[in-house]
Amino acid sequence: MENPSRIRISPDGSLRLPGEMTEKLGWTSGSYLEVLLEGETLRLRRVEVDPFAEAMKKPDAGMFEKLLEKQKKSREDAAKTFEEKIRKGDSLEIRPEDKPDYWR
């Protein structure tokens, strides 16, 4: 067994594996890994993934609701920002294309 290497977990939770190890295992950018937790040991194993089989999987059942919620939050944030600018008296730029007669 080789000497262990130490790595550090990034603030976003990602791990960067030593290049010499991934090279020895034949792992490249875009490789898929299976992750298995056994007690306090984490096992990684390369797996082959068929992109066509992945595309045929059913979509996330709640994805549409998540998208609607994200759009709702975006609209609420935009409205809040607009209201704050109005309250502060920030000058709002009116472009020619914002005027009703511009498109006629």
PDB file of N, CA and C in Angstrom:
ATOM      1  N   MET A   1       0.843  -1.196   0.000  1.00  0.00           N
ATOM      2  CA  MET A   1       0.000   0.000   0.000  1.00  0.00           C
ATOM      3  C   MET A   1       0.876   1.244   0.000  1.00  0.00           C
ATOM      4  N   GLU A   2       0.492   2.206  -0.804  1.00  0.00           N
ATOM      5  CA  GLU A   2       1.246   3.454  -0.906  1.00  0.00           C
ATOM      6  C   GLU A   2       1.045   4.304   0.328  1.00  0.00           C
ATOM      7  N   ASN A   3       1.942   5.272   0.482  1.00  0.00           N
ATOM      8  CA  ASN A   3       1.788   6.231   1.577  1.00  0.00           C
ATOM      9  C   ASN A   3       0.553   7.088   1.309  1.00  0.00           C
ATOM     10  N   PRO A   4      -0.223   7.345   2.349  1.00  0.00           N
ATOM     11  CA  PRO A   4      -1.433   8.151   2.144  1.00  0.00           C
ATOM     12  C   PRO A   4      -1.096   9.603   1.822  1.00  0.00           C
ATOM     13  N   SER A   5      -1.958  10.230   1.063  1.00  0.00           N
ATOM     14  CA  SER A   5      -1.837  11.662   0.764  1.00  0.00           C
ATOM     15  C   SER A   5      -2.900  12.388   1.568  1.00  0.00           C
ATOM     16  N   ARG A   6      -2.634  13.626   1.888  1.00  0.00           N
ATOM     17  CA  ARG A   6      -3.628  14.440   2.582  1.00  0.00           C
ATOM     18  C   ARG A   6      -4.192  15.455   1.608  1.00  0.00           C
ATOM     19  N   ILE A   7      -5.500  15.595   1.661  1.00  0.00           N
ATOM     20  CA  ILE A   7      -6.166  16.604   0.848  1.00  0.00           C
ATOM     21  C   ILE A   7      -7.060  17.417   1.767  1.00  0.00           C
ATOM     22  N   ARG A   8      -7.463  18.558   1.288  1.00  0.00           N
ATOM     23  CA  ARG A   8      -8.299  19.445   2.091  1.00  0.00           C
ATOM     24  C   ARG A   8      -9.641  19.650   1.398  1.00  0.00           C
ATOM     25  N   ILE A   9     -10.710  19.694   2.175  1.00  0.00           N
ATOM     26  CA  ILE A   9     -12.046  19.929   1.635  1.00  0.00           C
ATOM     27  C   ILE A   9     -12.205  21.435   1.406  1.00  0.00           C
ATOM     28  N   SER A  10     -12.643  21.803   0.188  1.00  0.00           N
ATOM     29  CA  SER A  10     -12.869  23.207  -0.165  1.00  0.00           C
ATOM     30  C   SER A  10     -14.106  23.728   0.550  1.00  0.00           C
ATOM     31  N   PRO A  11     -14.240  25.054   0.659  1.00  0.00           N
ATOM     32  CA  PRO A  11     -15.427  25.624   1.316  1.00  0.00           C
ATOM     33  C   PRO A  11     -16.742  25.158   0.694  1.00  0.00           C
ATOM     34  N   ASP A  12     -16.738  24.847  -0.606  1.00  0.00           N
ATOM     35  CA  ASP A  12     -17.974  24.393  -1.242  1.00  0.00           C
ATOM     36  C   ASP A  12     -18.201  22.892  -1.071  1.00  0.00           C
ATOM     37  N   GLY A  13     -17.304  22.219  -0.338  1.00  0.00           N
ATOM     38  CA  GLY A  13     -17.457  20.798  -0.066  1.00  0.00           C
ATOM     39  C   GLY A  13     -16.786  19.890  -1.074  1.00  0.00           C
ATOM     40  N   SER A  14     -16.136  20.463  -2.078  1.00  0.00           N
ATOM     41  CA  SER A  14     -15.498  19.630  -3.092  1.00  0.00           C
ATOM     42  C   SER A  14     -14.130  19.148  -2.632  1.00  0.00           C
ATOM     43  N   LEU A  15     -13.706  18.059  -3.226  1.00  0.00           N
ATOM     44  CA  LEU A  15     -12.407  17.462  -2.925  1.00  0.00           C
ATOM     45  C   LEU A  15     -11.560  17.460  -4.186  1.00  0.00           C
ATOM     46  N   ARG A  16     -10.283  17.667  -4.043  1.00  0.00           N
ATOM     47  CA  ARG A  16      -9.372  17.602  -5.184  1.00  0.00           C
ATOM     48  C   ARG A  16      -8.418  16.448  -4.931  1.00  0.00           C
ATOM     49  N   LEU A  17      -8.533  15.426  -5.781  1.00  0.00           N
ATOM     50  CA  LEU A  17      -7.696  14.243  -5.622  1.00  0.00           C
ATOM     51  C   LEU A  17      -6.341  14.466  -6.282  1.00  0.00           C
ATOM     52  N   PRO A  18      -5.280  13.868  -5.716  1.00  0.00           N
ATOM     53  CA  PRO A  18      -3.959  14.012  -6.321  1.00  0.00           C
ATOM     54  C   PRO A  18      -3.938  13.462  -7.750  1.00  0.00           C
ATOM     55  N   GLY A  19      -3.354  14.230  -8.650  1.00  0.00           N
ATOM     56  CA  GLY A  19      -3.298  13.869 -10.060  1.00  0.00           C
ATOM     57  C   GLY A  19      -2.646  12.537 -10.332  1.00  0.00           C
ATOM     58  N   GLU A  20      -1.570  12.223  -9.596  1.00  0.00           N
ATOM     59  CA  GLU A  20      -0.877  10.952  -9.845  1.00  0.00           C
ATOM     60  C   GLU A  20      -1.764   9.752  -9.520  1.00  0.00           C
ATOM     61  N   MET A  21      -2.651   9.919  -8.540  1.00  0.00           N
ATOM     62  CA  MET A  21      -3.572   8.826  -8.194  1.00  0.00           C
ATOM     63  C   MET A  21      -4.640   8.641  -9.268  1.00  0.00           C
ATOM     64  N   THR A  22      -5.241   9.753  -9.701  1.00  0.00           N
ATOM     65  CA  THR A  22      -6.275   9.635 -10.723  1.00  0.00           C
ATOM     66  C   THR A  22      -5.686   9.125 -12.036  1.00  0.00           C
ATOM     67  N   GLU A  23      -4.441   9.501 -12.310  1.00  0.00           N
ATOM     68  CA  GLU A  23      -3.760   9.003 -13.519  1.00  0.00           C
ATOM     69  C   GLU A  23      -3.577   7.492 -13.458  1.00  0.00           C
ATOM     70  N   LYS A  24      -3.102   7.001 -12.313  1.00  0.00           N
ATOM     71  CA  LYS A  24      -2.894   5.555 -12.147  1.00  0.00           C
ATOM     72  C   LYS A  24      -4.193   4.776 -12.321  1.00  0.00           C
ATOM     73  N   LEU A  25      -5.308   5.371 -11.890  1.00  0.00           N
ATOM     74  CA  LEU A  25      -6.607   4.700 -11.965  1.00  0.00           C
ATOM     75  C   LEU A  25      -7.281   4.895 -13.326  1.00  0.00           C
ATOM     76  N   GLY A  26      -6.713   5.753 -14.158  1.00  0.00           N
ATOM     77  CA  GLY A  26      -7.305   6.004 -15.467  1.00  0.00           C
ATOM     78  C   GLY A  26      -8.519   6.907 -15.414  1.00  0.00           C
ATOM     79  N   TRP A  27      -8.655   7.647 -14.320  1.00  0.00           N
ATOM     80  CA  TRP A  27      -9.767   8.571 -14.186  1.00  0.00           C
ATOM     81  C   TRP A  27      -9.408   9.862 -14.898  1.00  0.00           C
ATOM     82  N   THR A  28     -10.318  10.353 -15.705  1.00  0.00           N
ATOM     83  CA  THR A  28     -10.090  11.601 -16.429  1.00  0.00           C
ATOM     84  C   THR A  28     -11.251  12.543 -16.159  1.00  0.00           C
ATOM     85  N   SER A  29     -11.112  13.763 -16.623  1.00  0.00           N
ATOM     86  CA  SER A  29     -12.191  14.731 -16.491  1.00  0.00           C
ATOM     87  C   SER A  29     -13.437  14.166 -17.166  1.00  0.00           C
ATOM     88  N   GLY A  30     -14.544  14.188 -16.458  1.00  0.00           N
ATOM     89  CA  GLY A  30     -15.785  13.647 -17.000  1.00  0.00           C
ATOM     90  C   GLY A  30     -16.056  12.212 -16.600  1.00  0.00           C
ATOM     91  N   SER A  31     -15.093  11.553 -15.947  1.00  0.00           N
ATOM     92  CA  SER A  31     -15.319  10.181 -15.482  1.00  0.00           C
ATOM     93  C   SER A  31     -16.410  10.189 -14.411  1.00  0.00           C
ATOM     94  N   TYR A  32     -17.193   9.116 -14.367  1.00  0.00           N
ATOM     95  CA  TYR A  32     -18.203   8.956 -13.325  1.00  0.00           C
ATOM     96  C   TYR A  32     -17.654   8.039 -12.251  1.00  0.00           C
ATOM     97  N   LEU A  33     -17.905   8.424 -11.002  1.00  0.00           N
ATOM     98  CA  LEU A  33     -17.447   7.626  -9.868  1.00  0.00           C
ATOM     99  C   LEU A  33     -18.640   7.233  -9.013  1.00  0.00           C
ATOM    100  N   GLU A  34     -18.588   6.015  -8.526  1.00  0.00           N
ATOM    101  CA  GLU A  34     -19.576   5.542  -7.561  1.00  0.00           C
ATOM    102  C   GLU A  34     -18.983   5.814  -6.182  1.00  0.00           C
ATOM    103  N   VAL A  35     -19.767   6.383  -5.297  1.00  0.00           N
ATOM    104  CA  VAL A  35     -19.297   6.752  -3.964  1.00  0.00           C
ATOM    105  C   VAL A  35     -20.028   5.891  -2.944  1.00  0.00           C
ATOM    106  N   LEU A  36     -19.260   5.235  -2.068  1.00  0.00           N
ATOM    107  CA  LEU A  36     -19.846   4.354  -1.065  1.00  0.00           C
ATOM    108  C   LEU A  36     -19.235   4.673   0.288  1.00  0.00           C
ATOM    109  N   LEU A  37     -20.088   4.890   1.286  1.00  0.00           N
ATOM    110  CA  LEU A  37     -19.638   5.168   2.637  1.00  0.00           C
ATOM    111  C   LEU A  37     -19.730   3.887   3.452  1.00  0.00           C
ATOM    112  N   GLU A  38     -18.610   3.456   3.996  1.00  0.00           N
ATOM    113  CA  GLU A  38     -18.543   2.258   4.845  1.00  0.00           C
ATOM    114  C   GLU A  38     -17.951   2.671   6.182  1.00  0.00           C
ATOM    115  N   GLY A  39     -18.805   2.918   7.157  1.00  0.00           N
ATOM    116  CA  GLY A  39     -18.320   3.406   8.452  1.00  0.00           C
ATOM    117  C   GLY A  39     -17.733   4.784   8.270  1.00  0.00           C
ATOM    118  N   GLU A  40     -16.434   4.911   8.559  1.00  0.00           N
ATOM    119  CA  GLU A  40     -15.753   6.192   8.361  1.00  0.00           C
ATOM    120  C   GLU A  40     -14.866   6.170   7.116  1.00  0.00           C
ATOM    121  N   THR A  41     -15.053   5.165   6.283  1.00  0.00           N
ATOM    122  CA  THR A  41     -14.261   5.036   5.063  1.00  0.00           C
ATOM    123  C   THR A  41     -15.125   5.356   3.859  1.00  0.00           C
ATOM    124  N   LEU A  42     -14.575   6.144   2.960  1.00  0.00           N
ATOM    125  CA  LEU A  42     -15.265   6.497   1.732  1.00  0.00           C
ATOM    126  C   LEU A  42     -14.567   5.772   0.585  1.00  0.00           C
ATOM    127  N   ARG A  43     -15.347   5.012  -0.190  1.00  0.00           N
ATOM    128  CA  ARG A  43     -14.782   4.268  -1.316  1.00  0.00           C
ATOM    129  C   ARG A  43     -15.259   4.892  -2.616  1.00  0.00           C
ATOM    130  N   LEU A  44     -14.321   5.079  -3.539  1.00  0.00           N
ATOM    131  CA  LEU A  44     -14.634   5.608  -4.857  1.00  0.00           C
ATOM    132  C   LEU A  44     -14.287   4.541  -5.882  1.00  0.00           C
ATOM    133  N   ARG A  45     -15.177   4.372  -6.865  1.00  0.00           N
ATOM    134  CA  ARG A  45     -14.936   3.379  -7.905  1.00  0.00           C
ATOM    135  C   ARG A  45     -15.462   3.948  -9.209  1.00  0.00           C
ATOM    136  N   ARG A  46     -14.653   3.856 -10.247  1.00  0.00           N
ATOM    137  CA  ARG A  46     -15.076   4.347 -11.559  1.00  0.00           C
ATOM    138  C   ARG A  46     -16.156   3.433 -12.118  1.00  0.00           C
ATOM    139  N   VAL A  47     -17.179   4.040 -12.712  1.00  0.00           N
ATOM    140  CA  VAL A  47     -18.251   3.278 -13.342  1.00  0.00           C
ATOM    141  C   VAL A  47     -18.461   3.816 -14.752  1.00  0.00           C
ATOM    142  N   GLU A  48     -18.855   2.927 -15.634  1.00  0.00           N
ATOM    143  CA  GLU A  48     -19.183   3.323 -17.004  1.00  0.00           C
ATOM    144  C   GLU A  48     -20.652   3.725 -17.037  1.00  0.00           C
ATOM    145  N   VAL A  49     -20.946   4.846 -17.659  1.00  0.00           N
ATOM    146  CA  VAL A  49     -22.315   5.343 -17.746  1.00  0.00           C
ATOM    147  C   VAL A  49     -22.672   5.485 -19.215  1.00  0.00           C
ATOM    148  N   ASP A  50     -23.818   4.916 -19.571  1.00  0.00           N
ATOM    149  CA  ASP A  50     -24.320   5.029 -20.929  1.00  0.00           C
ATOM    150  C   ASP A  50     -25.106   6.333 -21.029  1.00  0.00           C
ATOM    151  N   PRO A  51     -24.624   7.312 -21.809  1.00  0.00           N
ATOM    152  CA  PRO A  51     -25.321   8.601 -21.872  1.00  0.00           C
ATOM    153  C   PRO A  51     -26.744   8.476 -22.415  1.00  0.00           C
ATOM    154  N   PHE A  52     -26.978   7.497 -23.290  1.00  0.00           N
ATOM    155  CA  PHE A  52     -28.325   7.320 -23.828  1.00  0.00           C
ATOM    156  C   PHE A  52     -29.276   6.786 -22.758  1.00  0.00           C
ATOM    157  N   ALA A  53     -28.782   5.883 -21.928  1.00  0.00           N
ATOM    158  CA  ALA A  53     -29.601   5.360 -20.833  1.00  0.00           C
ATOM    159  C   ALA A  53     -29.911   6.471 -19.827  1.00  0.00           C
ATOM    160  N   GLU A  54     -28.931   7.331 -19.574  1.00  0.00           N
ATOM    161  CA  GLU A  54     -29.145   8.451 -18.652  1.00  0.00           C
ATOM    162  C   GLU A  54     -30.216   9.397 -19.197  1.00  0.00           C
ATOM    163  N   ALA A  55     -30.181   9.634 -20.506  1.00  0.00           N
ATOM    164  CA  ALA A  55     -31.153  10.539 -21.125  1.00  0.00           C
ATOM    165  C   ALA A  55     -32.564   9.969 -21.077  1.00  0.00           C
ATOM    166  N   MET A  56     -32.683   8.652 -21.032  1.00  0.00           N
ATOM    167  CA  MET A  56     -33.996   8.016 -21.028  1.00  0.00           C
ATOM    168  C   MET A  56     -34.628   7.946 -19.639  1.00  0.00           C
ATOM    169  N   LYS A  57     -33.853   8.259 -18.598  1.00  0.00           N
ATOM    170  CA  LYS A  57     -34.400   8.224 -17.242  1.00  0.00           C
ATOM    171  C   LYS A  57     -35.501   9.261 -17.098  1.00  0.00           C
ATOM    172  N   LYS A  58     -36.455   8.955 -16.231  1.00  0.00           N
ATOM    173  CA  LYS A  58     -37.545   9.886 -15.985  1.00  0.00           C
ATOM    174  C   LYS A  58     -36.987  11.162 -15.358  1.00  0.00           C
ATOM    175  N   PRO A  59     -37.529  12.303 -15.750  1.00  0.00           N
ATOM    176  CA  PRO A  59     -37.067  13.559 -15.150  1.00  0.00           C
ATOM    177  C   PRO A  59     -37.509  13.659 -13.688  1.00  0.00           C
ATOM    178  N   ASP A  60     -36.881  14.555 -12.983  1.00  0.00           N
ATOM    179  CA  ASP A  60     -37.217  14.825 -11.584  1.00  0.00           C
ATOM    180  C   ASP A  60     -38.680  15.250 -11.506  1.00  0.00           C
ATOM    181  N   ALA A  61     -39.461  14.501 -10.753  1.00  0.00           N
ATOM    182  CA  ALA A  61     -40.903  14.756 -10.664  1.00  0.00           C
ATOM    183  C   ALA A  61     -41.211  16.162 -10.151  1.00  0.00           C
ATOM    184  N   GLY A  62     -40.397  16.690  -9.276  1.00  0.00           N
ATOM    185  CA  GLY A  62     -40.664  18.006  -8.700  1.00  0.00           C
ATOM    186  C   GLY A  62     -39.935  19.139  -9.399  1.00  0.00           C
ATOM    187  N   MET A  63     -39.271  18.853 -10.521  1.00  0.00           N
ATOM    188  CA  MET A  63     -38.465  19.869 -11.188  1.00  0.00           C
ATOM    189  C   MET A  63     -39.304  21.058 -11.654  1.00  0.00           C
ATOM    190  N   PHE A  64     -40.491  20.802 -12.195  1.00  0.00           N
ATOM    191  CA  PHE A  64     -41.330  21.895 -12.688  1.00  0.00           C
ATOM    192  C   PHE A  64     -41.700  22.837 -11.545  1.00  0.00           C
ATOM    193  N   GLU A  65     -42.079  22.277 -10.399  1.00  0.00           N
ATOM    194  CA  GLU A  65     -42.434  23.094  -9.243  1.00  0.00           C
ATOM    195  C   GLU A  65     -41.225  23.884  -8.744  1.00  0.00           C
ATOM    196  N   LYS A  66     -40.044  23.242  -8.769  1.00  0.00           N
ATOM    197  CA  LYS A  66     -38.824  23.939  -8.345  1.00  0.00           C
ATOM    198  C   LYS A  66     -38.529  25.119  -9.265  1.00  0.00           C
ATOM    199  N   LEU A  67     -38.710  24.917 -10.564  1.00  0.00           N
ATOM    200  CA  LEU A  67     -38.480  25.983 -11.535  1.00  0.00           C
ATOM    201  C   LEU A  67     -39.464  27.128 -11.327  1.00  0.00           C
ATOM    202  N   LEU A  68     -40.738  26.797 -11.108  1.00  0.00           N
ATOM    203  CA  LEU A  68     -41.737  27.838 -10.857  1.00  0.00           C
ATOM    204  C   LEU A  68     -41.402  28.622  -9.587  1.00  0.00           C
ATOM    205  N   GLU A  69     -40.963  27.922  -8.558  1.00  0.00           N
ATOM    206  CA  GLU A  69     -40.608  28.587  -7.303  1.00  0.00           C
ATOM    207  C   GLU A  69     -39.404  29.506  -7.501  1.00  0.00           C
ATOM    208  N   LYS A  70     -38.438  29.060  -8.284  1.00  0.00           N
ATOM    209  CA  LYS A  70     -37.250  29.870  -8.569  1.00  0.00           C
ATOM    210  C   LYS A  70     -37.640  31.131  -9.338  1.00  0.00           C
ATOM    211  N   GLN A  71     -38.530  30.995 -10.325  1.00  0.00           N
ATOM    212  CA  GLN A  71     -38.983  32.148 -11.094  1.00  0.00           C
ATOM    213  C   GLN A  71     -39.781  33.116 -10.209  1.00  0.00           C
ATOM    214  N   LYS A  72     -40.594  32.569  -9.322  1.00  0.00           N
ATOM    215  CA  LYS A  72     -41.381  33.405  -8.411  1.00  0.00           C
ATOM    216  C   LYS A  72     -40.457  34.229  -7.520  1.00  0.00           C
ATOM    217  N   LYS A  73     -39.426  33.578  -6.974  1.00  0.00           N
ATOM    218  CA  LYS A  73     -38.472  34.277  -6.116  1.00  0.00           C
ATOM    219  C   LYS A  73     -37.743  35.364  -6.893  1.00  0.00           C
ATOM    220  N   SER A  74     -37.383  35.062  -8.133  1.00  0.00           N
ATOM    221  CA  SER A  74     -36.692  36.039  -8.974  1.00  0.00           C
ATOM    222  C   SER A  74     -37.577  37.265  -9.214  1.00  0.00           C
ATOM    223  N   ARG A  75     -38.856  37.045  -9.502  1.00  0.00           N
ATOM    224  CA  ARG A  75     -39.784  38.161  -9.708  1.00  0.00           C
ATOM    225  C   ARG A  75     -39.946  38.977  -8.421  1.00  0.00           C
ATOM    226  N   GLU A  76     -40.045  38.281  -7.282  1.00  0.00           N
ATOM    227  CA  GLU A  76     -40.196  38.980  -6.001  1.00  0.00           C
ATOM    228  C   GLU A  76     -38.959  39.825  -5.695  1.00  0.00           C
ATOM    229  N   ASP A  77     -37.780  39.272  -5.960  1.00  0.00           N
ATOM    230  CA  ASP A  77     -36.536  40.015  -5.730  1.00  0.00           C
ATOM    231  C   ASP A  77     -36.465  41.250  -6.624  1.00  0.00           C
ATOM    232  N   ALA A  78     -36.865  41.089  -7.905  1.00  0.00           N
ATOM    233  CA  ALA A  78     -36.848  42.221  -8.835  1.00  0.00           C
ATOM    234  C   ALA A  78     -37.820  43.304  -8.377  1.00  0.00           C
ATOM    235  N   ALA A  79     -39.005  42.892  -7.930  1.00  0.00           N
ATOM    236  CA  ALA A  79     -40.000  43.860  -7.452  1.00  0.00           C
ATOM    237  C   ALA A  79     -39.499  44.583  -6.202  1.00  0.00           C
ATOM    238  N   LYS A  80     -38.848  43.852  -5.329  1.00  0.00           N
ATOM    239  CA  LYS A  80     -38.307  44.442  -4.099  1.00  0.00           C
ATOM    240  C   LYS A  80     -37.233  45.480  -4.440  1.00  0.00           C
ATOM    241  N   THR A  81     -36.340  45.123  -5.352  1.00  0.00           N
ATOM    242  CA  THR A  81     -35.285  46.043  -5.770  1.00  0.00           C
ATOM    243  C   THR A  81     -35.884  47.292  -6.397  1.00  0.00           C
ATOM    244  N   PHE A  82     -36.894  47.113  -7.242  1.00  0.00           N
ATOM    245  CA  PHE A  82     -37.573  48.235  -7.891  1.00  0.00           C
ATOM    246  C   PHE A  82     -38.192  49.156  -6.843  1.00  0.00           C
ATOM    247  N   GLU A  83     -38.907  48.570  -5.890  1.00  0.00           N
ATOM    248  CA  GLU A  83     -39.556  49.367  -4.842  1.00  0.00           C
ATOM    249  C   GLU A  83     -38.529  50.140  -4.019  1.00  0.00           C
ATOM    250  N   GLU A  84     -37.398  49.510  -3.714  1.00  0.00           N
ATOM    251  CA  GLU A  84     -36.349  50.188  -2.944  1.00  0.00           C
ATOM    252  C   GLU A  84     -35.800  51.383  -3.717  1.00  0.00           C
ATOM    253  N   LYS A  85     -35.595  51.219  -5.023  1.00  0.00           N
ATOM    254  CA  LYS A  85     -35.083  52.317  -5.840  1.00  0.00           C
ATOM    255  C   LYS A  85     -36.086  53.463  -5.905  1.00  0.00           C
ATOM    256  N   ILE A  86     -37.365  53.132  -5.992  1.00  0.00           N
ATOM    257  CA  ILE A  86     -38.407  54.165  -6.012  1.00  0.00           C
ATOM    258  C   ILE A  86     -38.410  54.925  -4.688  1.00  0.00           C
ATOM    259  N   ARG A  87     -38.341  54.177  -3.567  1.00  0.00           N
ATOM    260  CA  ARG A  87     -38.357  54.798  -2.242  1.00  0.00           C
ATOM    261  C   ARG A  87     -37.153  55.709  -2.030  1.00  0.00           C
ATOM    262  N   LYS A  88     -35.983  55.266  -2.491  1.00  0.00           N
ATOM    263  CA  LYS A  88     -34.762  56.058  -2.317  1.00  0.00           C
ATOM    264  C   LYS A  88     -34.731  57.255  -3.250  1.00  0.00           C
ATOM    265  N   GLY A  89     -35.562  57.239  -4.264  1.00  0.00           N
ATOM    266  CA  GLY A  89     -35.573  58.344  -5.215  1.00  0.00           C
ATOM    267  C   GLY A  89     -34.495  58.207  -6.272  1.00  0.00           C
ATOM    268  N   ASP A  90     -33.942  57.011  -6.406  1.00  0.00           N
ATOM    269  CA  ASP A  90     -32.944  56.786  -7.456  1.00  0.00           C
ATOM    270  C   ASP A  90     -33.575  57.093  -8.802  1.00  0.00           C
ATOM    271  N   SER A  91     -32.808  57.747  -9.628  1.00  0.00           N
ATOM    272  CA  SER A  91     -33.355  58.062 -10.949  1.00  0.00           C
ATOM    273  C   SER A  91     -33.415  56.789 -11.779  1.00  0.00           C
ATOM    274  N   LEU A  92     -34.564  56.551 -12.341  1.00  0.00           N
ATOM    275  CA  LEU A  92     -34.748  55.397 -13.199  1.00  0.00           C
ATOM    276  C   LEU A  92     -34.593  55.856 -14.638  1.00  0.00           C
ATOM    277  N   GLU A  93     -33.720  55.214 -15.358  1.00  0.00           N
ATOM    278  CA  GLU A  93     -33.478  55.567 -16.744  1.00  0.00           C
ATOM    279  C   GLU A  93     -34.628  55.051 -17.599  1.00  0.00           C
ATOM    280  N   ILE A  94     -35.214  55.917 -18.394  1.00  0.00           N
ATOM    281  CA  ILE A  94     -36.274  55.506 -19.305  1.00  0.00           C
ATOM    282  C   ILE A  94     -35.666  55.501 -20.704  1.00  0.00           C
ATOM    283  N   ARG A  95     -35.594  54.318 -21.258  1.00  0.00           N
ATOM    284  CA  ARG A  95     -35.017  54.165 -22.588  1.00  0.00           C
ATOM    285  C   ARG A  95     -36.095  54.452 -23.629  1.00  0.00           C
ATOM    286  N   PRO A  96     -35.708  54.810 -24.846  1.00  0.00           N
ATOM    287  CA  PRO A  96     -36.714  55.054 -25.889  1.00  0.00           C
ATOM    288  C   PRO A  96     -37.621  53.848 -26.103  1.00  0.00           C
ATOM    289  N   GLU A  97     -37.069  52.645 -26.047  1.00  0.00           N
ATOM    290  CA  GLU A  97     -37.889  51.463 -26.273  1.00  0.00           C
ATOM    291  C   GLU A  97     -38.856  51.158 -25.125  1.00  0.00           C
ATOM    292  N   ASP A  98     -38.690  51.873 -23.989  1.00  0.00           N
ATOM    293  CA  ASP A  98     -39.626  51.705 -22.880  1.00  0.00           C
ATOM    294  C   ASP A  98     -40.890  52.545 -23.055  1.00  0.00           C
ATOM    295  N   LYS A  99     -40.847  53.502 -23.969  1.00  0.00           N
ATOM    296  CA  LYS A  99     -42.000  54.371 -24.201  1.00  0.00           C
ATOM    297  C   LYS A  99     -43.021  53.648 -25.076  1.00  0.00           C
ATOM    298  N   PRO A 100     -44.308  53.772 -24.759  1.00  0.00           N
ATOM    299  CA  PRO A 100     -45.351  53.001 -25.458  1.00  0.00           C
ATOM    300  C   PRO A 100     -45.366  53.209 -26.977  1.00  0.00           C
ATOM    301  N   ASP A 101     -45.078  54.427 -27.453  1.00  0.00           N
ATOM    302  CA  ASP A 101     -45.174  54.702 -28.881  1.00  0.00           C
ATOM    303  C   ASP A 101     -43.955  54.219 -29.675  1.00  0.00           C
ATOM    304  N   TYR A 102     -42.929  53.799 -29.021  1.00  0.00           N
ATOM    305  CA  TYR A 102     -41.691  53.413 -29.708  1.00  0.00           C
ATOM    306  C   TYR A 102     -41.912  52.253 -30.681  1.00  0.00           C
ATOM    307  N   TRP A 103     -42.734  51.300 -30.322  1.00  0.00           N
ATOM    308  CA  TRP A 103     -42.900  50.089 -31.112  1.00  0.00           C
ATOM    309  C   TRP A 103     -44.017  50.177 -32.148  1.00  0.00           C
ATOM    310  N   ARG A 104     -44.627  51.303 -32.262  1.00  0.00           N
ATOM    311  CA  ARG A 104     -45.737  51.459 -33.228  1.00  0.00           C
ATOM    312  C   ARG A 104     -45.248  51.928 -34.558  1.00  0.00           C
TER     313      ARG A 104
END
